[in-house]
């Protein structure tokens, strides 16, 4: 952006004073728009942070049932792993027998 070229182009149809007044009005409008955007985002941020507090309580309530489920899964994994190991051992032995024949 070349401000000198912009002023030279805009000055053809108006005086410097009117150009300055127009630009000041534009800047004031931009300032108001920026303040509105910040205010809108700030209220959304506050709403989000209050929702996150509720999520923390929900997660804390799920922690114990999830820990219990994890314990159950570990117990099942231990119970299942022994027969699976035995099955794999038998399959390996069967394969050796078949290879010898």
Protein backbone atom coordinates (compact mmCIF):
# COMPACT_ATOMS: atom_id res chain seq x y z
CA UNK A 1 0.00 0.00 0.00
CA UNK A 2 1.41 3.33 -1.06
CA UNK A 3 -0.21 6.08 1.02
CA UNK A 4 1.22 8.89 -1.15
CA UNK A 5 -0.32 7.41 -4.28
CA UNK A 6 -3.63 6.86 -2.49
CA UNK A 7 -3.79 10.47 -1.27
CA UNK A 8 -2.79 11.79 -4.70
CA UNK A 9 -5.53 9.70 -6.38
CA UNK A 10 -8.23 10.64 -3.84
CA UNK A 11 -7.24 14.31 -3.80
CA UNK A 12 -8.24 14.76 -7.43
CA UNK A 13 -11.90 14.89 -6.46
CA UNK A 14 -11.72 16.50 -3.00
CA UNK A 15 -9.74 18.74 -0.72
CA UNK A 16 -7.25 17.44 1.81
CA UNK A 17 -9.55 18.49 4.64
CA UNK A 18 -12.50 16.52 3.29
CA UNK A 19 -10.22 13.52 2.58
CA UNK A 20 -8.92 13.71 6.15
CA UNK A 21 -12.46 13.91 7.56
CA UNK A 22 -13.54 10.91 5.45
CA UNK A 23 -10.53 8.86 6.54
CA UNK A 24 -11.10 9.77 10.20
CA UNK A 25 -14.70 8.58 9.88
CA UNK A 26 -13.51 5.35 8.31
CA UNK A 27 -10.98 4.80 11.12
CA UNK A 28 -13.67 5.48 13.73
CA UNK A 29 -15.91 2.90 12.04
CA UNK A 30 -13.07 0.37 12.03
CA UNK A 31 -12.40 1.03 15.72
CA UNK A 32 -16.08 0.44 16.55
CA UNK A 33 -16.14 -2.76 14.49
CA UNK A 34 -13.00 -4.00 16.24
CA UNK A 35 -14.46 -3.30 19.68
CA UNK A 36 -17.67 -5.16 18.73
CA UNK A 37 -15.71 -8.16 17.48
CA UNK A 38 -13.65 -8.25 20.67
CA UNK A 39 -16.78 -7.96 22.83
CA UNK A 40 -18.55 -10.75 20.90
CA UNK A 41 -15.54 -13.04 21.12
CA UNK A 42 -15.06 -12.23 24.79
CA UNK A 43 -18.59 -13.27 25.70
CA UNK A 44 -18.13 -16.48 23.67
CA UNK A 45 -14.87 -17.09 25.51
CA UNK A 46 -16.56 -16.63 28.88
CA UNK A 47 -19.35 -19.01 27.86
CA UNK A 48 -16.81 -21.59 26.70
CA UNK A 49 -14.83 -21.37 29.94
CA UNK A 50 -17.98 -21.89 32.01
CA UNK A 51 -18.83 -24.96 29.89
CA UNK A 52 -15.34 -26.33 30.48
CA UNK A 53 -15.92 -26.25 34.23
CA UNK A 54 -18.93 -28.52 33.71
CA UNK A 55 -16.85 -30.81 31.49
CA UNK A 56 -14.24 -31.18 34.24
CA UNK A 57 -16.93 -32.42 36.63
CA UNK A 58 -18.25 -34.82 34.00
CA UNK A 59 -14.78 -36.23 33.32
CA UNK A 60 -14.14 -36.61 37.05
CA UNK A 61 -17.40 -38.56 37.35
CA UNK A 62 -16.35 -40.91 34.54
CA UNK A 63 -12.88 -41.55 35.88
CA UNK A 64 -13.84 -44.27 38.41
CA UNK A 65 -16.12 -46.29 36.07
CA UNK A 66 -13.42 -46.16 33.39
CA UNK A 67 -10.80 -47.38 35.87
CA UNK A 68 -13.09 -50.27 36.83
CA UNK A 69 -13.62 -51.13 33.18
CA UNK A 70 -9.87 -51.07 32.59
CA UNK A 71 -9.37 -53.49 35.49
CA UNK A 72 -11.99 -55.85 34.05
CA UNK A 73 -10.35 -55.73 30.62
CA UNK A 74 -6.95 -56.51 32.16
CA UNK A 75 -8.42 -59.51 34.01
CA UNK A 76 -10.08 -60.82 30.85
CA UNK A 77 -6.87 -60.29 28.90
CA UNK A 78 -4.97 -62.40 31.47
CA UNK A 79 -7.60 -65.14 31.42
CA UNK A 80 -7.63 -65.28 27.61
CA UNK A 81 -3.89 -64.97 27.06
CA UNK A 82 -3.05 -68.34 28.68
CA UNK A 83 -5.35 -70.44 26.45
CA UNK A 84 -4.24 -68.47 23.40
CA UNK A 85 -0.62 -69.17 24.28
CA UNK A 86 -1.42 -72.84 24.66
CA UNK A 87 -3.26 -72.86 21.33
CA UNK A 88 -0.29 -71.24 19.61
CA UNK A 89 2.06 -73.78 21.18
CA UNK A 90 -0.11 -76.68 19.98
CA UNK A 91 -0.31 -75.14 16.51
CA UNK A 92 3.49 -74.81 16.42
CA UNK A 93 3.91 -78.45 17.51
CA UNK A 94 1.39 -79.60 14.92
CA UNK A 95 3.24 -77.73 12.22
CA UNK A 96 6.55 -79.38 13.25
CA UNK A 97 4.91 -82.80 13.12
CA UNK A 98 3.46 -82.10 9.70
CA UNK A 99 6.81 -80.88 8.40
CA UNK A 100 8.53 -84.08 9.62
CA UNK A 101 5.99 -86.30 7.82
